[in-house]
Amino acid sequence: MNNNLYVIKVSGEKELFSKEKYLRSLKRCGCSPEVIDSLLKEVVSNFEDGISTREIYSRTWTFLKNRSCACFAARYNLKQSLLKLGPSGYPFEHFVKSLFQKRGYKVKSQQIVKGRCIDYEIDVIAFNDKERILIECKFHNNQEYRSDAKTALYVKARLDDINQYYKQHDPLNIFTKCLIITNTKFTTNAISYGECVGMEMVSWGYPQNENLENLIAKYHLHPISCLHSLSDKDLSILLNLGIILCEDLHLNKDKLKNIGIAKKKLDLFMNECASL
């Protein structure tokens, strides 16, 4: 492979291919040294100058899927899988609720909360004995779309307005902080503003440690959309039933049998979930 290989990003930008970054993505999804070595010899060696990052993803995922590396393929497919949780934002909100429940919080969603000036509909509220967090969920169907500084400004202004009301009327339930979580990324300006005002922000790749992909791995919150045995029709049926995560499949196994999903197909789903 040419050491000066250039790739085309989703944004259209051109940059040098980073073998180190590529290897990190493979290790993060659990690929063994043997699988990585095969990928380098059979896939990466055939990358041509000007290849798109979409094509790199597609070739890598196809290799993993066809080599009976289902669990690796599912993890590698995670970013794309999150995009399939649309078109509504409800499944992503379900994911966020599950994330904070795993972290020991109690959660409420779609709550109307009073502010000093107006009332607001809050996506998710997470709370425990020490914290009360206002959470804004920003779901996008297109990975090119990034949540910008206007979103961060709005969320911070909303927190300030709400807390002005609570300071006067209900000081024991004041919000300790706000958080924005998105399935794609933030713009540079959004991150700069968030860091300046101390607002927590979570996206794909940000922050360095507690980012979206790391949290999914840490709390085993893989969405059902990462299962390659699941057809688009099956995915639509399950999402409409409120089954968003792989762990939801296990909790609703009897319910799925009752709506006519064949045992053989259901076992296939369960086995793939277990491999994750």
C-alpha atoms as a PDB file:
ATOM      1  CA  MET A   1       0.000   0.000   0.000  1.00  0.00           C
ATOM      2  CA  ASN A   2       1.168   3.512  -0.849  1.00  0.00           C
ATOM      3  CA  ASN A   3       2.343   5.252   2.341  1.00  0.00           C
ATOM      4  CA  ASN A   4       1.091   8.566   0.907  1.00  0.00           C
ATOM      5  CA  LEU A   5      -2.434   7.313   0.294  1.00  0.00           C
ATOM      6  CA  TYR A   6      -5.039  10.065   0.392  1.00  0.00           C
ATOM      7  CA  VAL A   7      -8.651   9.433   1.379  1.00  0.00           C
ATOM      8  CA  ILE A   8     -11.786  11.518   0.872  1.00  0.00           C
ATOM      9  CA  LYS A   9     -13.803  12.148   4.038  1.00  0.00           C
ATOM     10  CA  VAL A  10     -17.611  12.386   4.167  1.00  0.00           C
ATOM     11  CA  SER A  11     -17.265  16.184   4.271  1.00  0.00           C
ATOM     12  CA  GLY A  12     -15.358  16.089   0.978  1.00  0.00           C
ATOM     13  CA  GLU A  13     -12.048  16.960   2.630  1.00  0.00           C
ATOM     14  CA  LYS A  14      -8.905  15.157   1.518  1.00  0.00           C
ATOM     15  CA  GLU A  15      -6.435  13.813   4.071  1.00  0.00           C
ATOM     16  CA  LEU A  16      -3.674  11.245   4.428  1.00  0.00           C
ATOM     17  CA  PHE A  17      -4.869   7.770   5.326  1.00  0.00           C
ATOM     18  CA  SER A  18      -3.957   7.002   8.940  1.00  0.00           C
ATOM     19  CA  LYS A  19      -3.130   3.342   9.386  1.00  0.00           C
ATOM     20  CA  GLU A  20      -2.890   3.900  13.150  1.00  0.00           C
ATOM     21  CA  LYS A  21      -6.402   5.353  13.303  1.00  0.00           C
ATOM     22  CA  TYR A  22      -7.738   2.484  11.183  1.00  0.00           C
ATOM     23  CA  LEU A  23      -6.090  -0.099  13.449  1.00  0.00           C
ATOM     24  CA  ARG A  24      -7.553   1.590  16.534  1.00  0.00           C
ATOM     25  CA  SER A  25     -11.047   1.249  15.083  1.00  0.00           C
ATOM     26  CA  LEU A  26     -10.479  -2.459  14.475  1.00  0.00           C
ATOM     27  CA  LYS A  27      -9.105  -3.070  17.958  1.00  0.00           C
ATOM     28  CA  ARG A  28     -11.981  -1.095  19.478  1.00  0.00           C
ATOM     29  CA  CYS A  29     -14.519  -3.462  17.913  1.00  0.00           C
ATOM     30  CA  GLY A  30     -12.598  -6.461  19.270  1.00  0.00           C
ATOM     31  CA  CYS A  31     -10.851  -7.781  16.150  1.00  0.00           C
ATOM     32  CA  SER A  32      -8.169 -10.345  16.943  1.00  0.00           C
ATOM     33  CA  PRO A  33      -4.572  -9.884  15.693  1.00  0.00           C
ATOM     34  CA  GLU A  34      -5.219 -12.649  13.152  1.00  0.00           C
ATOM     35  CA  VAL A  35      -8.300 -10.896  11.738  1.00  0.00           C
ATOM     36  CA  ILE A  36      -6.469  -7.555  11.607  1.00  0.00           C
ATOM     37  CA  ASP A  37      -3.529  -9.143   9.794  1.00  0.00           C
ATOM     38  CA  SER A  38      -5.886 -10.651   7.203  1.00  0.00           C
ATOM     39  CA  LEU A  39      -7.602  -7.295   6.722  1.00  0.00           C
ATOM     40  CA  LEU A  40      -4.294  -5.531   6.120  1.00  0.00           C
ATOM     41  CA  LYS A  41      -3.222  -8.118   3.551  1.00  0.00           C
ATOM     42  CA  GLU A  42      -6.541  -8.664   1.738  1.00  0.00           C
ATOM     43  CA  VAL A  43      -8.342  -5.323   2.072  1.00  0.00           C
ATOM     44  CA  VAL A  44      -6.091  -2.420   3.024  1.00  0.00           C
ATOM     45  CA  SER A  45      -3.372  -3.410   0.539  1.00  0.00           C
ATOM     46  CA  ASN A  46      -5.902  -2.827  -2.262  1.00  0.00           C
ATOM     47  CA  PHE A  47      -6.912   0.701  -1.233  1.00  0.00           C
ATOM     48  CA  GLU A  48      -6.355   3.115  -4.091  1.00  0.00           C
ATOM     49  CA  ASP A  49      -5.417   6.790  -3.825  1.00  0.00           C
ATOM     50  CA  GLY A  50      -8.527   8.954  -3.430  1.00  0.00           C
ATOM     51  CA  ILE A  51     -10.661   6.186  -1.917  1.00  0.00           C
ATOM     52  CA  SER A  52     -13.557   7.497   0.159  1.00  0.00           C
ATOM     53  CA  THR A  53     -13.917   6.770   3.863  1.00  0.00           C
ATOM     54  CA  ARG A  54     -17.371   5.345   3.010  1.00  0.00           C
ATOM     55  CA  GLU A  55     -15.734   2.821   0.693  1.00  0.00           C
ATOM     56  CA  ILE A  56     -13.115   1.928   3.321  1.00  0.00           C
ATOM     57  CA  TYR A  57     -15.915   1.302   5.807  1.00  0.00           C
ATOM     58  CA  SER A  58     -17.912  -0.759   3.284  1.00  0.00           C
ATOM     59  CA  ARG A  59     -15.002  -3.013   2.296  1.00  0.00           C
ATOM     60  CA  THR A  60     -13.972  -3.568   5.913  1.00  0.00           C
ATOM     61  CA  TRP A  61     -17.509  -4.340   7.086  1.00  0.00           C
ATOM     62  CA  THR A  62     -18.112  -6.732   4.168  1.00  0.00           C
ATOM     63  CA  PHE A  63     -14.873  -8.570   4.946  1.00  0.00           C
ATOM     64  CA  LEU A  64     -15.789  -8.984   8.612  1.00  0.00           C
ATOM     65  CA  LYS A  65     -19.345 -10.066   7.838  1.00  0.00           C
ATOM     66  CA  ASN A  66     -18.287 -12.629   5.217  1.00  0.00           C
ATOM     67  CA  ARG A  67     -15.551 -14.097   7.401  1.00  0.00           C
ATOM     68  CA  SER A  68     -18.004 -15.157  10.128  1.00  0.00           C
ATOM     69  CA  CYS A  69     -16.859 -12.308  12.354  1.00  0.00           C
ATOM     70  CA  ALA A  70     -20.437 -11.289  13.128  1.00  0.00           C
ATOM     71  CA  CYS A  71     -19.691  -9.670  16.471  1.00  0.00           C
ATOM     72  CA  PHE A  72     -16.767  -7.686  15.031  1.00  0.00           C
ATOM     73  CA  ALA A  73     -18.872  -6.604  12.039  1.00  0.00           C
ATOM     74  CA  ALA A  74     -21.703  -5.479  14.322  1.00  0.00           C
ATOM     75  CA  ARG A  75     -19.371  -3.409  16.493  1.00  0.00           C
ATOM     76  CA  TYR A  76     -17.605  -1.954  13.464  1.00  0.00           C
ATOM     77  CA  ASN A  77     -21.050  -1.069  12.058  1.00  0.00           C
ATOM     78  CA  LEU A  78     -22.040   0.796  15.223  1.00  0.00           C
ATOM     79  CA  LYS A  79     -21.802   4.346  13.875  1.00  0.00           C
ATOM     80  CA  GLN A  80     -23.968   3.498  10.869  1.00  0.00           C
ATOM     81  CA  SER A  81     -26.351   1.524  13.073  1.00  0.00           C
ATOM     82  CA  LEU A  82     -27.129   4.586  15.180  1.00  0.00           C
ATOM     83  CA  LEU A  83     -28.208   6.428  12.018  1.00  0.00           C
ATOM     84  CA  LYS A  84     -30.819   3.704  11.412  1.00  0.00           C
ATOM     85  CA  LEU A  85     -32.641   4.476  14.652  1.00  0.00           C
ATOM     86  CA  GLY A  86     -34.745   7.108  12.856  1.00  0.00           C
ATOM     87  CA  PRO A  87     -36.621   8.740  11.397  1.00  0.00           C
ATOM     88  CA  SER A  88     -38.032   9.904  14.735  1.00  0.00           C
ATOM     89  CA  GLY A  89     -35.822  10.748  17.693  1.00  0.00           C
ATOM     90  CA  TYR A  90     -37.690   8.420  20.083  1.00  0.00           C
ATOM     91  CA  PRO A  91     -35.361   5.379  19.774  1.00  0.00           C
ATOM     92  CA  PHE A  92     -32.328   7.564  20.488  1.00  0.00           C
ATOM     93  CA  GLU A  93     -34.079   9.019  23.544  1.00  0.00           C
ATOM     94  CA  HIS A  94     -34.744   5.438  24.694  1.00  0.00           C
ATOM     95  CA  PHE A  95     -31.025   4.753  24.298  1.00  0.00           C
ATOM     96  CA  VAL A  96     -30.126   7.835  26.374  1.00  0.00           C
ATOM     97  CA  LYS A  97     -32.603   6.864  29.108  1.00  0.00           C
ATOM     98  CA  SER A  98     -31.094   3.367  29.235  1.00  0.00           C
ATOM     99  CA  LEU A  99     -27.585   4.827  29.420  1.00  0.00           C
ATOM    100  CA  PHE A 100     -28.389   6.925  32.483  1.00  0.00           C
ATOM    101  CA  GLN A 101     -30.312   4.091  34.131  1.00  0.00           C
ATOM    102  CA  LYS A 102     -27.193   1.933  33.733  1.00  0.00           C
ATOM    103  CA  ARG A 103     -25.241   4.720  35.443  1.00  0.00           C
ATOM    104  CA  GLY A 104     -27.559   4.578  38.444  1.00  0.00           C
ATOM    105  CA  TYR A 105     -29.894   7.483  37.701  1.00  0.00           C
ATOM    106  CA  LYS A 106     -33.668   7.595  37.719  1.00  0.00           C
ATOM    107  CA  VAL A 107     -35.007   8.994  34.452  1.00  0.00           C
ATOM    108  CA  LYS A 108     -38.055  10.726  33.001  1.00  0.00           C
ATOM    109  CA  SER A 109     -38.667  11.681  29.379  1.00  0.00           C
ATOM    110  CA  GLN A 110     -40.816  14.175  27.471  1.00  0.00           C
ATOM    111  CA  GLN A 111     -41.404  16.366  30.515  1.00  0.00           C
ATOM    112  CA  ILE A 112     -42.868  19.879  30.428  1.00  0.00           C
ATOM    113  CA  VAL A 113     -40.773  22.063  32.732  1.00  0.00           C
ATOM    114  CA  LYS A 114     -41.488  25.643  33.755  1.00  0.00           C
ATOM    115  CA  GLY A 115     -39.014  28.423  33.133  1.00  0.00           C
ATOM    116  CA  ARG A 116     -39.145  32.013  34.331  1.00  0.00           C
ATOM    117  CA  CYS A 117     -40.166  33.178  30.849  1.00  0.00           C
ATOM    118  CA  ILE A 118     -41.764  30.147  29.117  1.00  0.00           C
ATOM    119  CA  ASP A 119     -42.342  26.425  29.536  1.00  0.00           C
ATOM    120  CA  TYR A 120     -40.074  23.837  27.857  1.00  0.00           C
ATOM    121  CA  GLU A 121     -40.403  20.239  26.714  1.00  0.00           C
ATOM    122  CA  ILE A 122     -37.348  18.358  27.993  1.00  0.00           C
ATOM    123  CA  ASP A 123     -36.190  15.193  26.213  1.00  0.00           C
ATOM    124  CA  VAL A 124     -34.754  13.419  29.268  1.00  0.00           C
ATOM    125  CA  ILE A 125     -34.300  14.307  32.933  1.00  0.00           C
ATOM    126  CA  ALA A 126     -31.841  12.160  34.925  1.00  0.00           C
ATOM    127  CA  PHE A 127     -31.577  12.486  38.678  1.00  0.00           C
ATOM    128  CA  ASN A 128     -30.225  10.931  41.858  1.00  0.00           C
ATOM    129  CA  ASP A 129     -29.585  12.139  45.408  1.00  0.00           C
ATOM    130  CA  LYS A 130     -26.857  14.547  44.268  1.00  0.00           C
ATOM    131  CA  GLU A 131     -27.643  15.545  40.691  1.00  0.00           C
ATOM    132  CA  ARG A 132     -30.548  16.641  38.544  1.00  0.00           C
ATOM    133  CA  ILE A 133     -29.577  16.759  34.870  1.00  0.00           C
ATOM    134  CA  LEU A 134     -31.412  18.343  31.949  1.00  0.00           C
ATOM    135  CA  ILE A 135     -30.591  16.336  28.807  1.00  0.00           C
ATOM    136  CA  GLU A 136     -31.079  17.366  25.188  1.00  0.00           C
ATOM    137  CA  CYS A 137     -30.996  14.482  22.677  1.00  0.00           C
ATOM    138  CA  LYS A 138     -30.005  15.464  19.131  1.00  0.00           C
ATOM    139  CA  PHE A 139     -30.609  12.639  16.668  1.00  0.00           C
ATOM    140  CA  HIS A 140     -29.562  12.916  13.011  1.00  0.00           C
ATOM    141  CA  ASN A 141     -30.171  10.477  10.125  1.00  0.00           C
ATOM    142  CA  ASN A 142     -27.131  11.778   8.258  1.00  0.00           C
ATOM    143  CA  GLN A 143     -23.626  11.525   9.712  1.00  0.00           C
ATOM    144  CA  GLU A 144     -22.597  14.681   7.822  1.00  0.00           C
ATOM    145  CA  TYR A 145     -24.921  16.771   9.980  1.00  0.00           C
ATOM    146  CA  ARG A 146     -23.286  18.176  13.108  1.00  0.00           C
ATOM    147  CA  SER A 147     -24.941  19.860  16.083  1.00  0.00           C
ATOM    148  CA  ASP A 148     -23.745  23.450  16.038  1.00  0.00           C
ATOM    149  CA  ALA A 149     -23.128  26.271  18.505  1.00  0.00           C
ATOM    150  CA  LYS A 150     -26.730  27.482  18.186  1.00  0.00           C
ATOM    151  CA  THR A 151     -27.911  24.220  19.744  1.00  0.00           C
ATOM    152  CA  ALA A 152     -25.448  24.579  22.618  1.00  0.00           C
ATOM    153  CA  LEU A 153     -26.457  28.210  23.159  1.00  0.00           C
ATOM    154  CA  TYR A 154     -30.136  27.281  23.200  1.00  0.00           C
ATOM    155  CA  VAL A 155     -29.696  24.457  25.710  1.00  0.00           C
ATOM    156  CA  LYS A 156     -27.648  26.662  28.054  1.00  0.00           C
ATOM    157  CA  ALA A 157     -30.163  29.520  27.811  1.00  0.00           C
ATOM    158  CA  ARG A 158     -32.995  27.101  28.528  1.00  0.00           C
ATOM    159  CA  LEU A 159     -31.214  25.761  31.623  1.00  0.00           C
ATOM    160  CA  ASP A 160     -30.671  29.305  32.900  1.00  0.00           C
ATOM    161  CA  ASP A 161     -34.325  30.262  32.367  1.00  0.00           C
ATOM    162  CA  ILE A 162     -35.594  27.091  34.071  1.00  0.00           C
ATOM    163  CA  ASN A 163     -33.265  27.498  37.031  1.00  0.00           C
ATOM    164  CA  GLN A 164     -34.333  31.109  37.505  1.00  0.00           C
ATOM    165  CA  TYR A 165     -37.873  29.801  38.016  1.00  0.00           C
ATOM    166  CA  TYR A 166     -36.763  26.988  40.338  1.00  0.00           C
ATOM    167  CA  LYS A 167     -34.603  29.276  42.479  1.00  0.00           C
ATOM    168  CA  GLN A 168     -37.727  31.228  43.302  1.00  0.00           C
ATOM    169  CA  HIS A 169     -40.363  28.489  43.452  1.00  0.00           C
ATOM    170  CA  ASP A 170     -38.679  25.108  44.053  1.00  0.00           C
ATOM    171  CA  PRO A 171     -34.997  25.499  45.049  1.00  0.00           C
ATOM    172  CA  LEU A 172     -34.641  21.868  46.172  1.00  0.00           C
ATOM    173  CA  ASN A 173     -35.239  20.661  42.600  1.00  0.00           C
ATOM    174  CA  ILE A 174     -32.933  23.027  40.763  1.00  0.00           C
ATOM    175  CA  PHE A 175     -31.010  21.477  37.869  1.00  0.00           C
ATOM    176  CA  THR A 176     -27.332  20.965  38.642  1.00  0.00           C
ATOM    177  CA  LYS A 177     -26.284  20.873  34.983  1.00  0.00           C
ATOM    178  CA  CYS A 178     -27.356  20.323  31.390  1.00  0.00           C
ATOM    179  CA  LEU A 179     -25.995  17.879  28.832  1.00  0.00           C
ATOM    180  CA  ILE A 180     -26.290  17.495  25.055  1.00  0.00           C
ATOM    181  CA  ILE A 181     -25.862  14.065  23.496  1.00  0.00           C
ATOM    182  CA  THR A 182     -25.900  13.418  19.753  1.00  0.00           C
ATOM    183  CA  ASN A 183     -25.390  10.349  17.582  1.00  0.00           C
ATOM    184  CA  THR A 184     -23.173  12.261  15.132  1.00  0.00           C
ATOM    185  CA  LYS A 185     -20.701  15.030  16.016  1.00  0.00           C
ATOM    186  CA  PHE A 186     -20.495  18.629  17.206  1.00  0.00           C
ATOM    187  CA  THR A 187     -18.984  21.514  15.300  1.00  0.00           C
ATOM    188  CA  THR A 188     -15.728  22.959  16.608  1.00  0.00           C
ATOM    189  CA  ASN A 189     -17.543  26.118  17.741  1.00  0.00           C
ATOM    190  CA  ALA A 190     -20.145  24.089  19.646  1.00  0.00           C
ATOM    191  CA  ILE A 191     -17.394  22.241  21.527  1.00  0.00           C
ATOM    192  CA  SER A 192     -15.532  25.487  22.238  1.00  0.00           C
ATOM    193  CA  TYR A 193     -18.666  27.067  23.669  1.00  0.00           C
ATOM    194  CA  GLY A 194     -19.540  23.990  25.734  1.00  0.00           C
ATOM    195  CA  GLU A 195     -16.069  23.812  27.234  1.00  0.00           C
ATOM    196  CA  CYS A 196     -16.105  27.555  27.956  1.00  0.00           C
ATOM    197  CA  VAL A 197     -19.389  27.460  29.922  1.00  0.00           C
ATOM    198  CA  GLY A 198     -18.783  24.025  31.477  1.00  0.00           C
ATOM    199  CA  MET A 199     -21.596  22.234  29.652  1.00  0.00           C
ATOM    200  CA  GLU A 200     -21.251  18.467  29.193  1.00  0.00           C
ATOM    201  CA  MET A 201     -21.452  17.278  25.588  1.00  0.00           C
ATOM    202  CA  VAL A 202     -21.316  13.717  24.285  1.00  0.00           C
ATOM    203  CA  SER A 203     -20.999  12.670  20.651  1.00  0.00           C
ATOM    204  CA  TRP A 204     -19.242  10.203  18.400  1.00  0.00           C
ATOM    205  CA  GLY A 205     -15.577  10.652  19.337  1.00  0.00           C
ATOM    206  CA  TYR A 206     -16.104  13.360  21.966  1.00  0.00           C
ATOM    207  CA  PRO A 207     -15.020  13.667  24.719  1.00  0.00           C
ATOM    208  CA  GLN A 208     -11.909  11.526  24.533  1.00  0.00           C
ATOM    209  CA  ASN A 209     -12.933   8.932  27.110  1.00  0.00           C
ATOM    210  CA  GLU A 210     -16.656   9.133  27.838  1.00  0.00           C
ATOM    211  CA  ASN A 211     -17.687   9.439  24.184  1.00  0.00           C
ATOM    212  CA  LEU A 212     -20.642   7.698  22.592  1.00  0.00           C
ATOM    213  CA  GLU A 213     -18.882   4.599  21.263  1.00  0.00           C
ATOM    214  CA  ASN A 214     -17.021   4.041  24.538  1.00  0.00           C
ATOM    215  CA  LEU A 215     -20.215   4.390  26.569  1.00  0.00           C
ATOM    216  CA  ILE A 216     -22.014   1.878  24.347  1.00  0.00           C
ATOM    217  CA  ALA A 217     -19.207  -0.643  24.860  1.00  0.00           C
ATOM    218  CA  LYS A 218     -18.905   0.069  28.584  1.00  0.00           C
ATOM    219  CA  TYR A 219     -22.611  -0.406  29.343  1.00  0.00           C
ATOM    220  CA  HIS A 220     -23.397  -2.975  26.607  1.00  0.00           C
ATOM    221  CA  LEU A 221     -25.979  -0.716  24.963  1.00  0.00           C
ATOM    222  CA  HIS A 222     -25.732  -1.995  21.399  1.00  0.00           C
ATOM    223  CA  PRO A 223     -28.758  -0.995  19.286  1.00  0.00           C
ATOM    224  CA  ILE A 224     -30.625  -3.762  17.453  1.00  0.00           C
ATOM    225  CA  SER A 225     -29.831  -1.958  14.190  1.00  0.00           C
ATOM    226  CA  CYS A 226     -26.245  -3.254  14.372  1.00  0.00           C
ATOM    227  CA  LEU A 227     -27.436  -6.862  13.903  1.00  0.00           C
ATOM    228  CA  HIS A 228     -26.764  -7.851  10.286  1.00  0.00           C
ATOM    229  CA  SER A 229     -29.259 -10.738  10.565  1.00  0.00           C
ATOM    230  CA  LEU A 230     -32.046  -8.154  11.003  1.00  0.00           C
ATOM    231  CA  SER A 231     -33.850  -7.082   7.819  1.00  0.00           C
ATOM    232  CA  ASP A 232     -35.110  -3.522   7.361  1.00  0.00           C
ATOM    233  CA  LYS A 233     -38.675  -4.835   7.794  1.00  0.00           C
ATOM    234  CA  ASP A 234     -37.777  -6.622  11.040  1.00  0.00           C
ATOM    235  CA  LEU A 235     -36.002  -3.496  12.297  1.00  0.00           C
ATOM    236  CA  SER A 236     -39.053  -1.349  11.597  1.00  0.00           C
ATOM    237  CA  ILE A 237     -41.353  -3.787  13.427  1.00  0.00           C
ATOM    238  CA  LEU A 238     -39.108  -3.953  16.481  1.00  0.00           C
ATOM    239  CA  LEU A 239     -38.544  -0.190  16.693  1.00  0.00           C
ATOM    240  CA  ASN A 240     -42.304   0.382  16.498  1.00  0.00           C
ATOM    241  CA  LEU A 241     -42.678  -2.004  19.443  1.00  0.00           C
ATOM    242  CA  GLY A 242     -40.199   0.062  21.457  1.00  0.00           C
ATOM    243  CA  ILE A 243     -37.476  -2.585  21.197  1.00  0.00           C
ATOM    244  CA  ILE A 244     -34.366  -0.480  20.623  1.00  0.00           C
ATOM    245  CA  LEU A 245     -31.431  -2.256  22.266  1.00  0.00           C
ATOM    246  CA  CYS A 246     -30.152  -5.811  22.094  1.00  0.00           C
ATOM    247  CA  GLU A 247     -30.963  -6.233  25.770  1.00  0.00           C
ATOM    248  CA  ASP A 248     -34.584  -5.276  24.954  1.00  0.00           C
ATOM    249  CA  LEU A 249     -34.789  -8.337  22.693  1.00  0.00           C
ATOM    250  CA  HIS A 250     -34.033 -10.633  25.620  1.00  0.00           C
ATOM    251  CA  LEU A 251     -36.560  -8.870  27.847  1.00  0.00           C
ATOM    252  CA  ASN A 252     -39.292  -9.173  25.193  1.00  0.00           C
ATOM    253  CA  LYS A 253     -38.593 -12.630  23.766  1.00  0.00           C
ATOM    254  CA  ASP A 254     -42.036 -14.029  24.635  1.00  0.00           C
ATOM    255  CA  LYS A 255     -43.751 -10.923  23.266  1.00  0.00           C
ATOM    256  CA  LEU A 256     -41.959 -11.347  19.937  1.00  0.00           C
ATOM    257  CA  LYS A 257     -43.041 -14.974  19.672  1.00  0.00           C
ATOM    258  CA  ASN A 258     -46.642 -13.882  20.161  1.00  0.00           C
ATOM    259  CA  ILE A 259     -46.536 -11.445  17.229  1.00  0.00           C
ATOM    260  CA  GLY A 260     -45.401 -14.156  14.854  1.00  0.00           C
ATOM    261  CA  ILE A 261     -41.607 -13.859  14.611  1.00  0.00           C
ATOM    262  CA  ALA A 262     -40.375 -17.370  13.820  1.00  0.00           C
ATOM    263  CA  LYS A 263     -38.368 -19.126  16.519  1.00  0.00           C
ATOM    264  CA  LYS A 264     -35.487 -19.807  14.096  1.00  0.00           C
ATOM    265  CA  LYS A 265     -35.206 -16.127  13.202  1.00  0.00           C
ATOM    266  CA  LEU A 266     -35.560 -15.055  16.828  1.00  0.00           C
ATOM    267  CA  ASP A 267     -32.809 -17.466  17.892  1.00  0.00           C
ATOM    268  CA  LEU A 268     -30.572 -15.986  15.188  1.00  0.00           C
ATOM    269  CA  PHE A 269     -31.164 -12.498  16.610  1.00  0.00           C
ATOM    270  CA  MET A 270     -30.465 -13.700  20.150  1.00  0.00           C
ATOM    271  CA  ASN A 271     -27.256 -15.502  19.206  1.00  0.00           C
ATOM    272  CA  GLU A 272     -25.928 -12.429  17.460  1.00  0.00           C
ATOM    273  CA  CYS A 273     -26.843 -10.280  20.473  1.00  0.00           C
ATOM    274  CA  ALA A 274     -25.044 -12.717  22.769  1.00  0.00           C
ATOM    275  CA  SER A 275     -21.878 -12.470  20.643  1.00  0.00           C
ATOM    276  CA  LEU A 276     -21.740  -8.735  21.326  1.00  0.00           C
END
